[in-house]
């Protein structure tokens, strides 16, 4: 019998000062049995950085035909395609043909190695690549409960998170800006 995902519920008060975007989000997130808490929290932080009424989580790890997060228009065209981790260059290349905007968010210590090996190939693609600080993602992931209220403020290159279990700062850097 296959293991079932663990369901997490987040109530997020989002303040994105970089985009002048403010929202209250109620996110139900399925943590796949093979997914880590760090990856789940990186998904939530990526969602906050790109929040939009039409942005949605997909089936993620359980399907290879979809990204982790996407925004589609009414005709089904992908406007935003968001991958997490260290995707294969061919997967990113395919995504650039299927979506108007492609973003990759890395969050692991080994992301530096992945970036060093692939930046030449990815540099030719119109994709934005952002690296979350692995230590801050880990600290955030280690202190979350299955139901949580979060206050997330985005300013500059930081996400400031207030939760029931403490205060956190998740910093990020843009490794590659999206070119047109």
N, C-alpha and C. Protein backbone atom coordinates (compact mmCIF):
# COMPACT_ATOMS: atom_id res chain seq x y z
N UNK A 1 0.84 -1.18 0.00
CA UNK A 1 0.00 0.00 0.00
C UNK A 1 0.89 1.25 0.00
N UNK A 2 0.56 2.19 -0.85
CA UNK A 2 1.34 3.43 -0.97
C UNK A 2 1.08 4.35 0.22
N UNK A 3 2.11 5.05 0.61
CA UNK A 3 1.97 6.03 1.69
C UNK A 3 1.23 7.25 1.18
N UNK A 4 0.42 7.82 2.04
CA UNK A 4 -0.35 9.00 1.66
C UNK A 4 0.40 10.26 2.08
N UNK A 5 0.13 11.37 1.40
CA UNK A 5 0.81 12.61 1.78
C UNK A 5 0.30 13.12 3.12
N UNK A 6 1.13 13.91 3.79
CA UNK A 6 0.73 14.58 5.03
C UNK A 6 0.22 15.97 4.65
N UNK A 7 -0.93 16.33 5.17
CA UNK A 7 -1.56 17.60 4.82
C UNK A 7 -1.20 18.66 5.85
N UNK A 8 -0.75 19.82 5.35
CA UNK A 8 -0.45 20.99 6.18
C UNK A 8 -1.39 22.11 5.75
N UNK A 9 -1.79 22.92 6.72
CA UNK A 9 -2.65 24.07 6.43
C UNK A 9 -1.97 25.32 6.97
N UNK A 10 -1.83 26.31 6.08
CA UNK A 10 -1.18 27.57 6.45
C UNK A 10 -2.13 28.73 6.18
N UNK A 11 -2.27 29.59 7.17
CA UNK A 11 -2.95 30.88 7.01
C UNK A 11 -1.85 31.92 6.96
N UNK A 12 -1.71 32.60 5.83
CA UNK A 12 -0.58 33.51 5.65
C UNK A 12 -1.08 34.92 5.40
N UNK A 13 -0.60 35.84 6.22
CA UNK A 13 -0.81 37.27 5.97
C UNK A 13 0.42 37.73 5.22
N UNK A 14 0.28 38.02 3.93
CA UNK A 14 1.41 38.34 3.07
C UNK A 14 1.50 39.84 2.81
N UNK A 15 2.69 40.37 3.02
CA UNK A 15 3.01 41.75 2.69
C UNK A 15 4.26 41.71 1.82
N UNK A 16 4.10 41.99 0.53
CA UNK A 16 5.24 42.00 -0.39
C UNK A 16 5.53 43.45 -0.75
N UNK A 17 6.50 44.03 -0.07
CA UNK A 17 6.85 45.43 -0.30
C UNK A 17 7.57 45.62 -1.62
N UNK A 18 8.19 44.57 -2.15
CA UNK A 18 8.87 44.68 -3.44
C UNK A 18 7.88 44.88 -4.59
N UNK A 19 6.71 44.28 -4.48
CA UNK A 19 5.70 44.35 -5.55
C UNK A 19 4.47 45.15 -5.16
N UNK A 20 4.44 45.70 -3.95
CA UNK A 20 3.23 46.36 -3.42
C UNK A 20 2.03 45.43 -3.52
N UNK A 21 2.21 44.20 -3.05
CA UNK A 21 1.16 43.18 -3.10
C UNK A 21 0.86 42.73 -1.68
N UNK A 22 -0.43 42.73 -1.33
CA UNK A 22 -0.86 42.37 0.01
C UNK A 22 -2.01 41.38 -0.13
N UNK A 23 -1.96 40.30 0.67
CA UNK A 23 -2.99 39.28 0.52
C UNK A 23 -3.08 38.43 1.78
N UNK A 24 -4.20 37.77 1.95
CA UNK A 24 -4.38 36.76 2.98
C UNK A 24 -4.55 35.44 2.24
N UNK A 25 -3.65 34.51 2.50
CA UNK A 25 -3.65 33.24 1.80
C UNK A 25 -4.03 32.11 2.74
N UNK A 26 -4.87 31.22 2.27
CA UNK A 26 -5.17 29.98 2.98
C UNK A 26 -4.67 28.85 2.10
N UNK A 27 -3.51 28.30 2.47
CA UNK A 27 -2.88 27.28 1.65
C UNK A 27 -3.01 25.91 2.31
N UNK A 28 -3.46 24.94 1.52
CA UNK A 28 -3.44 23.55 1.93
C UNK A 28 -2.34 22.89 1.11
N UNK A 29 -1.34 22.37 1.80
CA UNK A 29 -0.15 21.84 1.14
C UNK A 29 -0.01 20.37 1.48
N UNK A 30 0.14 19.56 0.44
CA UNK A 30 0.36 18.13 0.63
C UNK A 30 1.86 17.86 0.62
N UNK A 31 2.37 17.30 1.71
CA UNK A 31 3.77 16.90 1.80
C UNK A 31 3.86 15.45 1.34
N UNK A 32 4.39 15.25 0.14
CA UNK A 32 4.54 13.92 -0.44
C UNK A 32 5.47 13.09 0.47
N UNK A 33 5.25 11.78 0.61
CA UNK A 33 6.11 10.97 1.48
C UNK A 33 7.61 11.06 1.16
N UNK A 34 7.95 11.34 -0.10
CA UNK A 34 9.37 11.43 -0.46
C UNK A 34 9.89 12.87 -0.40
N UNK A 35 9.05 13.80 0.00
CA UNK A 35 9.44 15.22 0.07
C UNK A 35 9.90 15.57 1.48
N UNK A 36 10.88 16.46 1.57
CA UNK A 36 11.35 16.92 2.88
C UNK A 36 10.57 18.15 3.32
N UNK A 37 10.62 18.42 4.63
CA UNK A 37 9.99 19.64 5.15
C UNK A 37 10.65 20.88 4.55
N UNK A 38 11.97 20.81 4.29
CA UNK A 38 12.68 21.95 3.70
C UNK A 38 12.12 22.27 2.32
N UNK A 39 11.88 21.24 1.53
CA UNK A 39 11.34 21.46 0.19
C UNK A 39 9.93 22.06 0.26
N UNK A 40 9.13 21.56 1.19
CA UNK A 40 7.78 22.10 1.34
C UNK A 40 7.83 23.58 1.72
N UNK A 41 8.70 23.94 2.66
CA UNK A 41 8.78 25.35 3.07
C UNK A 41 9.35 26.21 1.95
N UNK A 42 10.27 25.67 1.15
CA UNK A 42 10.77 26.42 0.00
C UNK A 42 9.64 26.65 -1.01
N UNK A 43 8.76 25.65 -1.18
CA UNK A 43 7.59 25.82 -2.07
C UNK A 43 6.71 26.95 -1.58
N UNK A 44 6.49 26.99 -0.26
CA UNK A 44 5.62 28.03 0.30
C UNK A 44 6.26 29.41 0.15
N UNK A 45 7.57 29.51 0.37
CA UNK A 45 8.25 30.79 0.20
C UNK A 45 8.24 31.23 -1.26
N UNK A 46 8.43 30.29 -2.20
CA UNK A 46 8.35 30.62 -3.62
C UNK A 46 6.94 31.08 -3.98
N UNK A 47 5.94 30.43 -3.38
CA UNK A 47 4.55 30.84 -3.61
C UNK A 47 4.35 32.27 -3.13
N UNK A 48 4.86 32.60 -1.95
CA UNK A 48 4.72 33.95 -1.42
C UNK A 48 5.41 34.98 -2.31
N UNK A 49 6.57 34.66 -2.84
CA UNK A 49 7.30 35.60 -3.71
C UNK A 49 6.58 35.85 -5.03
N UNK A 50 5.72 34.94 -5.43
CA UNK A 50 5.02 35.06 -6.72
C UNK A 50 3.51 35.13 -6.55
N UNK A 51 3.04 35.38 -5.35
CA UNK A 51 1.60 35.32 -5.06
C UNK A 51 0.78 36.10 -6.08
N UNK A 52 -0.30 35.47 -6.49
CA UNK A 52 -1.23 36.03 -7.47
C UNK A 52 -2.53 35.24 -7.31
N UNK A 53 -3.68 35.84 -7.57
CA UNK A 53 -4.93 35.08 -7.40
C UNK A 53 -5.02 33.81 -8.24
N UNK A 54 -4.30 33.75 -9.37
CA UNK A 54 -4.36 32.57 -10.24
C UNK A 54 -3.20 31.60 -10.05
N UNK A 55 -2.35 31.82 -9.04
CA UNK A 55 -1.21 30.94 -8.78
C UNK A 55 -1.68 29.74 -7.97
N UNK A 56 -1.22 28.53 -8.35
CA UNK A 56 -1.67 27.31 -7.69
C UNK A 56 -0.54 26.30 -7.55
N UNK A 57 -0.61 25.50 -6.50
CA UNK A 57 0.26 24.34 -6.38
C UNK A 57 -0.27 23.28 -7.35
N UNK A 58 0.65 22.47 -7.87
CA UNK A 58 0.24 21.37 -8.75
C UNK A 58 0.44 20.06 -8.00
N UNK A 59 0.38 18.97 -8.72
CA UNK A 59 0.63 17.67 -8.10
C UNK A 59 2.10 17.49 -7.75
N UNK A 60 2.95 18.36 -8.29
CA UNK A 60 4.35 18.41 -7.91
C UNK A 60 5.13 17.14 -8.16
N UNK A 61 5.72 16.60 -7.11
CA UNK A 61 6.60 15.43 -7.21
C UNK A 61 5.91 14.24 -7.86
N UNK A 62 4.61 14.12 -7.68
CA UNK A 62 3.92 12.93 -8.18
C UNK A 62 3.68 12.95 -9.68
N UNK A 63 4.01 14.03 -10.37
CA UNK A 63 3.87 14.07 -11.83
C UNK A 63 5.04 14.81 -12.45
N UNK A 64 5.49 14.34 -13.59
CA UNK A 64 6.61 15.00 -14.26
C UNK A 64 6.15 15.99 -15.32
N UNK A 65 4.86 16.00 -15.63
CA UNK A 65 4.34 16.87 -16.68
C UNK A 65 4.00 18.27 -16.18
N UNK A 66 4.07 18.48 -14.88
CA UNK A 66 3.70 19.78 -14.32
C UNK A 66 4.83 20.29 -13.43
N UNK A 67 4.89 21.61 -13.25
CA UNK A 67 5.87 22.16 -12.31
C UNK A 67 5.36 22.01 -10.87
N UNK A 68 6.08 22.57 -9.93
CA UNK A 68 5.62 22.55 -8.53
C UNK A 68 4.51 23.57 -8.31
N UNK A 69 4.63 24.70 -8.99
CA UNK A 69 3.65 25.79 -8.86
C UNK A 69 3.46 26.39 -10.24
N UNK A 70 2.23 26.77 -10.56
CA UNK A 70 2.03 27.46 -11.83
C UNK A 70 0.86 28.41 -11.77
N UNK A 71 0.87 29.28 -12.77
CA UNK A 71 -0.23 30.22 -12.97
C UNK A 71 -0.65 30.06 -14.42
N UNK A 72 -1.92 29.73 -14.62
CA UNK A 72 -2.42 29.53 -15.97
C UNK A 72 -3.51 30.54 -16.27
N UNK A 73 -3.63 30.90 -17.56
CA UNK A 73 -4.71 31.80 -17.95
C UNK A 73 -5.96 30.97 -18.25
N UNK A 74 -7.02 31.63 -18.64
CA UNK A 74 -8.30 30.93 -18.86
C UNK A 74 -8.24 29.93 -20.01
N UNK A 75 -7.33 30.12 -20.94
CA UNK A 75 -7.22 29.17 -22.06
C UNK A 75 -6.33 27.97 -21.72
N UNK A 76 -5.74 27.97 -20.52
CA UNK A 76 -4.90 26.86 -20.09
C UNK A 76 -3.42 27.07 -20.37
N UNK A 77 -3.07 28.19 -20.95
CA UNK A 77 -1.65 28.50 -21.22
C UNK A 77 -0.96 28.84 -19.90
N UNK A 78 0.23 28.30 -19.68
CA UNK A 78 1.00 28.58 -18.47
C UNK A 78 1.63 29.96 -18.58
N UNK A 79 1.27 30.83 -17.68
CA UNK A 79 1.87 32.16 -17.63
C UNK A 79 3.13 32.14 -16.78
N UNK A 80 3.09 31.42 -15.66
CA UNK A 80 4.24 31.29 -14.77
C UNK A 80 4.43 29.81 -14.45
N UNK A 81 5.66 29.33 -14.58
CA UNK A 81 6.04 27.93 -14.34
C UNK A 81 7.15 27.97 -13.30
N UNK A 82 6.94 27.39 -12.13
CA UNK A 82 7.91 27.45 -11.04
C UNK A 82 8.36 26.05 -10.66
N UNK A 83 9.68 25.84 -10.72
CA UNK A 83 10.31 24.58 -10.34
C UNK A 83 11.08 24.79 -9.05
N UNK A 84 11.18 23.76 -8.22
CA UNK A 84 12.00 23.80 -7.01
C UNK A 84 13.10 22.77 -7.08
N UNK A 85 14.20 23.08 -6.43
CA UNK A 85 15.31 22.14 -6.38
C UNK A 85 16.32 22.42 -7.46
N UNK A 86 16.87 21.36 -8.01
CA UNK A 86 17.89 21.45 -9.05
C UNK A 86 17.42 20.68 -10.27
N UNK A 87 16.50 21.24 -11.05
CA UNK A 87 15.95 20.50 -12.19
C UNK A 87 16.99 20.31 -13.30
N UNK A 88 16.76 19.31 -14.10
CA UNK A 88 17.58 19.02 -15.26
C UNK A 88 17.43 20.17 -16.27
N UNK A 89 18.51 20.50 -16.96
CA UNK A 89 18.50 21.60 -17.94
C UNK A 89 17.46 21.35 -19.02
N UNK A 90 17.31 20.12 -19.46
CA UNK A 90 16.32 19.80 -20.50
C UNK A 90 14.89 20.07 -20.01
N UNK A 91 14.63 19.80 -18.74
CA UNK A 91 13.31 20.09 -18.18
C UNK A 91 13.04 21.59 -18.17
N UNK A 92 14.05 22.37 -17.81
CA UNK A 92 13.90 23.83 -17.79
C UNK A 92 13.71 24.35 -19.22
N UNK A 93 14.48 23.80 -20.14
CA UNK A 93 14.36 24.21 -21.55
C UNK A 93 12.95 23.93 -22.07
N UNK A 94 12.42 22.76 -21.75
CA UNK A 94 11.05 22.41 -22.16
C UNK A 94 10.04 23.37 -21.53
N UNK A 95 10.26 23.73 -20.27
CA UNK A 95 9.34 24.65 -19.59
C UNK A 95 9.32 26.02 -20.27
N UNK A 96 10.47 26.47 -20.78
CA UNK A 96 10.50 27.78 -21.44
C UNK A 96 9.67 27.79 -22.72
N UNK A 97 9.45 26.63 -23.31
CA UNK A 97 8.59 26.55 -24.50
C UNK A 97 7.11 26.47 -24.12
N UNK A 98 6.84 26.08 -22.87
CA UNK A 98 5.45 25.86 -22.45
C UNK A 98 4.87 27.01 -21.64
N UNK A 99 5.72 27.95 -21.19
CA UNK A 99 5.23 29.01 -20.31
C UNK A 99 5.85 30.35 -20.68
N UNK A 100 5.14 31.41 -20.34
CA UNK A 100 5.63 32.76 -20.60
C UNK A 100 6.80 33.13 -19.69
N UNK A 101 6.76 32.66 -18.45
CA UNK A 101 7.78 32.97 -17.46
C UNK A 101 8.15 31.70 -16.71
N UNK A 102 9.46 31.43 -16.60
CA UNK A 102 9.94 30.23 -15.90
C UNK A 102 10.86 30.68 -14.78
N UNK A 103 10.64 30.12 -13.59
CA UNK A 103 11.46 30.44 -12.43
C UNK A 103 11.88 29.15 -11.74
N UNK A 104 13.12 29.13 -11.27
CA UNK A 104 13.65 27.99 -10.53
C UNK A 104 14.11 28.52 -9.18
N UNK A 105 13.68 27.86 -8.10
CA UNK A 105 14.08 28.21 -6.74
C UNK A 105 14.87 27.05 -6.16
N UNK A 106 16.13 27.29 -5.81
CA UNK A 106 16.94 26.28 -5.17
C UNK A 106 17.01 26.58 -3.68
N UNK A 107 17.24 25.54 -2.88
CA UNK A 107 17.18 25.72 -1.43
C UNK A 107 18.14 24.80 -0.67
N UNK A 108 18.91 23.99 -1.37
CA UNK A 108 19.77 23.02 -0.70
C UNK A 108 21.23 23.47 -0.72
N UNK A 109 22.02 22.91 0.16
CA UNK A 109 23.45 23.24 0.24
C UNK A 109 24.14 22.90 -1.08
N UNK A 110 23.74 21.80 -1.70
CA UNK A 110 24.40 21.39 -2.95
C UNK A 110 23.95 22.22 -4.16
N UNK A 111 23.09 23.21 -3.96
CA UNK A 111 22.65 24.06 -5.06
C UNK A 111 23.81 24.78 -5.72
N UNK A 112 24.85 25.11 -4.95
CA UNK A 112 26.02 25.78 -5.52
C UNK A 112 26.70 24.90 -6.57
N UNK A 113 26.78 23.61 -6.29
CA UNK A 113 27.40 22.68 -7.23
C UNK A 113 26.55 22.58 -8.49
N UNK A 114 25.22 22.43 -8.32
CA UNK A 114 24.30 22.36 -9.45
C UNK A 114 24.43 23.61 -10.31
N UNK A 115 24.49 24.78 -9.67
CA UNK A 115 24.57 26.04 -10.40
C UNK A 115 25.91 26.12 -11.16
N UNK A 116 27.00 25.75 -10.52
CA UNK A 116 28.31 25.79 -11.17
C UNK A 116 28.34 24.88 -12.41
N UNK A 117 27.69 23.74 -12.32
CA UNK A 117 27.69 22.78 -13.43
C UNK A 117 26.76 23.19 -14.57
N UNK A 118 25.71 23.97 -14.26
CA UNK A 118 24.68 24.23 -15.26
C UNK A 118 24.51 25.68 -15.68
N UNK A 119 25.22 26.61 -15.06
CA UNK A 119 24.97 28.03 -15.37
C UNK A 119 25.27 28.38 -16.82
N UNK A 120 26.23 27.71 -17.42
CA UNK A 120 26.53 27.98 -18.83
C UNK A 120 25.36 27.61 -19.73
N UNK A 121 24.78 26.45 -19.50
CA UNK A 121 23.65 25.99 -20.31
C UNK A 121 22.38 26.77 -20.00
N UNK A 122 22.15 27.07 -18.72
CA UNK A 122 20.94 27.80 -18.33
C UNK A 122 21.02 29.28 -18.71
N UNK A 123 22.23 29.80 -18.86
CA UNK A 123 22.42 31.20 -19.20
C UNK A 123 21.80 31.60 -20.53
N UNK A 124 21.62 30.63 -21.43
CA UNK A 124 21.02 30.90 -22.74
C UNK A 124 19.50 30.86 -22.70
N UNK A 125 18.94 30.44 -21.59
CA UNK A 125 17.49 30.29 -21.50
C UNK A 125 16.86 31.47 -20.78
N UNK A 126 15.64 31.85 -21.17
CA UNK A 126 14.94 32.94 -20.48
C UNK A 126 14.30 32.44 -19.18
N UNK A 127 15.11 32.24 -18.16
CA UNK A 127 14.65 31.69 -16.90
C UNK A 127 15.27 32.47 -15.74
N UNK A 128 14.48 32.68 -14.70
CA UNK A 128 14.98 33.32 -13.48
C UNK A 128 15.36 32.22 -12.49
N UNK A 129 16.55 32.34 -11.91
CA UNK A 129 17.00 31.34 -10.95
C UNK A 129 17.32 32.04 -9.64
N UNK A 130 16.66 31.59 -8.57
CA UNK A 130 16.78 32.21 -7.26
C UNK A 130 17.24 31.14 -6.27
N UNK A 131 18.17 31.52 -5.42
CA UNK A 131 18.68 30.58 -4.41
C UNK A 131 18.28 31.07 -3.02
N UNK A 132 17.48 30.26 -2.31
CA UNK A 132 17.18 30.52 -0.91
C UNK A 132 18.38 30.11 -0.06
N UNK A 133 18.61 30.81 1.04
CA UNK A 133 19.66 30.42 1.98
C UNK A 133 19.25 29.08 2.62
N UNK A 134 20.02 28.02 2.41
CA UNK A 134 19.64 26.69 2.91
C UNK A 134 19.48 26.64 4.43
N UNK A 135 20.33 27.33 5.18
CA UNK A 135 20.24 27.28 6.64
C UNK A 135 18.95 27.91 7.15
N UNK A 136 18.51 29.00 6.52
CA UNK A 136 17.28 29.65 6.99
C UNK A 136 16.05 28.84 6.60
N UNK A 137 16.08 28.18 5.44
CA UNK A 137 14.97 27.29 5.06
C UNK A 137 14.89 26.12 6.03
N UNK A 138 16.05 25.58 6.40
CA UNK A 138 16.08 24.46 7.35
C UNK A 138 15.54 24.86 8.71
N UNK A 139 15.93 26.03 9.20
CA UNK A 139 15.44 26.51 10.50
C UNK A 139 13.92 26.68 10.47
N UNK A 140 13.41 27.25 9.39
CA UNK A 140 11.97 27.44 9.25
C UNK A 140 11.25 26.10 9.19
N UNK A 141 11.80 25.15 8.44
CA UNK A 141 11.16 23.85 8.26
C UNK A 141 11.15 23.02 9.55
N UNK A 142 12.17 23.18 10.37
CA UNK A 142 12.26 22.38 11.59
C UNK A 142 11.29 22.81 12.68
N UNK A 143 10.65 23.94 12.50
CA UNK A 143 9.79 24.47 13.56
C UNK A 143 8.35 24.69 13.13
N UNK A 144 7.87 23.97 12.13
CA UNK A 144 6.50 24.15 11.68
C UNK A 144 5.59 23.02 12.16
N UNK A 145 4.35 23.37 12.36
CA UNK A 145 3.33 22.40 12.74
C UNK A 145 2.39 22.19 11.57
N UNK A 146 1.52 21.21 11.68
CA UNK A 146 0.63 20.89 10.55
C UNK A 146 -0.43 21.95 10.30
N UNK A 147 -0.71 22.78 11.28
CA UNK A 147 -1.61 23.92 11.10
C UNK A 147 -0.90 25.12 11.67
N UNK A 148 -0.69 26.14 10.83
CA UNK A 148 0.09 27.28 11.30
C UNK A 148 -0.42 28.58 10.71
N UNK A 149 -0.29 29.62 11.50
CA UNK A 149 -0.54 30.97 11.04
C UNK A 149 0.80 31.65 10.84
N UNK A 150 1.01 32.21 9.66
CA UNK A 150 2.26 32.88 9.35
C UNK A 150 2.00 34.31 8.90
N UNK A 151 2.91 35.17 9.26
CA UNK A 151 2.93 36.51 8.71
C UNK A 151 4.23 36.60 7.92
N UNK A 152 4.12 36.87 6.62
CA UNK A 152 5.30 36.89 5.75
C UNK A 152 5.41 38.28 5.14
N UNK A 153 6.57 38.92 5.38
CA UNK A 153 6.85 40.21 4.77
C UNK A 153 8.06 40.06 3.86
N UNK A 154 7.88 40.46 2.60
CA UNK A 154 8.96 40.41 1.62
C UNK A 154 9.48 41.82 1.42
N UNK A 155 10.77 42.00 1.62
CA UNK A 155 11.40 43.29 1.36
C UNK A 155 12.85 43.05 0.95
N UNK A 156 13.26 43.69 -0.12
CA UNK A 156 14.62 43.49 -0.60
C UNK A 156 14.85 42.03 -0.96
N UNK A 157 15.90 41.45 -0.40
CA UNK A 157 16.27 40.06 -0.67
C UNK A 157 15.96 39.17 0.54
N UNK A 158 14.90 39.52 1.29
CA UNK A 158 14.56 38.77 2.49
C UNK A 158 13.06 38.55 2.61
N UNK A 159 12.73 37.42 3.21
CA UNK A 159 11.37 37.15 3.66
C UNK A 159 11.45 37.08 5.18
N UNK A 160 10.67 37.92 5.85
CA UNK A 160 10.61 37.91 7.30
C UNK A 160 9.34 37.18 7.68
N UNK A 161 9.49 36.09 8.46
CA UNK A 161 8.36 35.24 8.80
C UNK A 161 8.15 35.23 10.29
N UNK A 162 6.93 35.53 10.69
CA UNK A 162 6.50 35.40 12.08
C UNK A 162 5.53 34.23 12.12
N UNK A 163 5.81 33.27 13.00
CA UNK A 163 4.91 32.13 13.13
C UNK A 163 4.60 31.90 14.60
N UNK A 164 3.74 30.94 14.84
CA UNK A 164 3.40 30.58 16.21
C UNK A 164 4.63 30.06 16.95
N UNK A 165 5.64 29.62 16.19
CA UNK A 165 6.83 29.00 16.78
C UNK A 165 8.09 29.87 16.71
N UNK A 166 7.94 31.15 16.40
CA UNK A 166 9.11 32.02 16.38
C UNK A 166 9.19 32.92 15.17
N UNK A 167 10.30 33.64 15.10
CA UNK A 167 10.57 34.57 14.01
C UNK A 167 11.74 34.06 13.19
N UNK A 168 11.65 34.23 11.86
CA UNK A 168 12.67 33.72 10.95
C UNK A 168 12.91 34.74 9.85
N UNK A 169 14.12 34.72 9.32
CA UNK A 169 14.44 35.49 8.12
C UNK A 169 14.99 34.52 7.10
N UNK A 170 14.37 34.48 5.94
CA UNK A 170 14.85 33.65 4.84
C UNK A 170 15.37 34.61 3.78
N UNK A 171 16.69 34.57 3.56
CA UNK A 171 17.28 35.43 2.54
C UNK A 171 17.36 34.66 1.22
N UNK A 172 17.40 35.42 0.14
CA UNK A 172 17.51 34.80 -1.17
C UNK A 172 18.35 35.69 -2.08
N UNK A 173 18.94 35.06 -3.08
CA UNK A 173 19.71 35.82 -4.07
C UNK A 173 19.30 35.37 -5.46
N UNK A 174 19.27 36.31 -6.38
CA UNK A 174 18.95 35.99 -7.77
C UNK A 174 20.25 35.62 -8.48
N UNK A 175 20.35 34.36 -8.88
CA UNK A 175 21.53 33.88 -9.58
C UNK A 175 21.49 34.25 -11.06
N UNK A 176 20.26 34.28 -11.61
CA UNK A 176 20.08 34.65 -13.01
C UNK A 176 18.74 35.33 -13.15
N UNK A 177 18.74 36.53 -13.70
CA UNK A 177 17.49 37.24 -13.97
C UNK A 177 16.89 36.70 -15.27
N UNK A 178 15.58 36.78 -15.38
CA UNK A 178 14.92 36.29 -16.57
C UNK A 178 15.15 37.27 -17.71
N UNK A 179 15.71 36.76 -18.79
CA UNK A 179 15.91 37.60 -19.97
C UNK A 179 14.77 37.37 -20.94
N UNK A 180 14.58 38.30 -21.79
CA UNK A 180 13.49 38.19 -22.78
C UNK A 180 14.01 37.70 -24.10
